[in-house]
Amino acid sequence: MIKIQDQLISSDPEITAMQITADEDFMILGSAGVFERLQGIDIMNILWQQALIEQMKNKNNKINPGILVDTLIKLSAFKRESFKNNAEDNSVPNSSFTVILIIFKSFE
């Protein structure tokens, strides 16, 4: 039997249930490749920073969610490669990056 940490796809997902309120702006679902080097608070800050940048660039204040996701994936890949280059044992896994960004009405 293959150990869970050695599996490419885990049959034991991390699941969190929560009530979505009117105060929620977005929800992000991502693979381990995204979350292995970034904490939830970092991801939230990255998304908000990029959203503000995009809002200032666009005269109509519209935000392209694809740009937010792209920024997050690029930063995750950069963090992973940086860590790999600095790791002595070179055992950092080659994870894929999957991101689903769900934006709620309150996101402005």
Foldseek 3Di string as FASTA:
>chain_A
DDDQVPDLDHPDDDDDDDDDDPPDFKDKDKDCLLVVQDPPVRLVVLLVVVLVVQLVVDPVSDGDVVVSLVSSQVVSVVRQVVCCVVDPVSPRDDHDIDMDMGGDPNHD
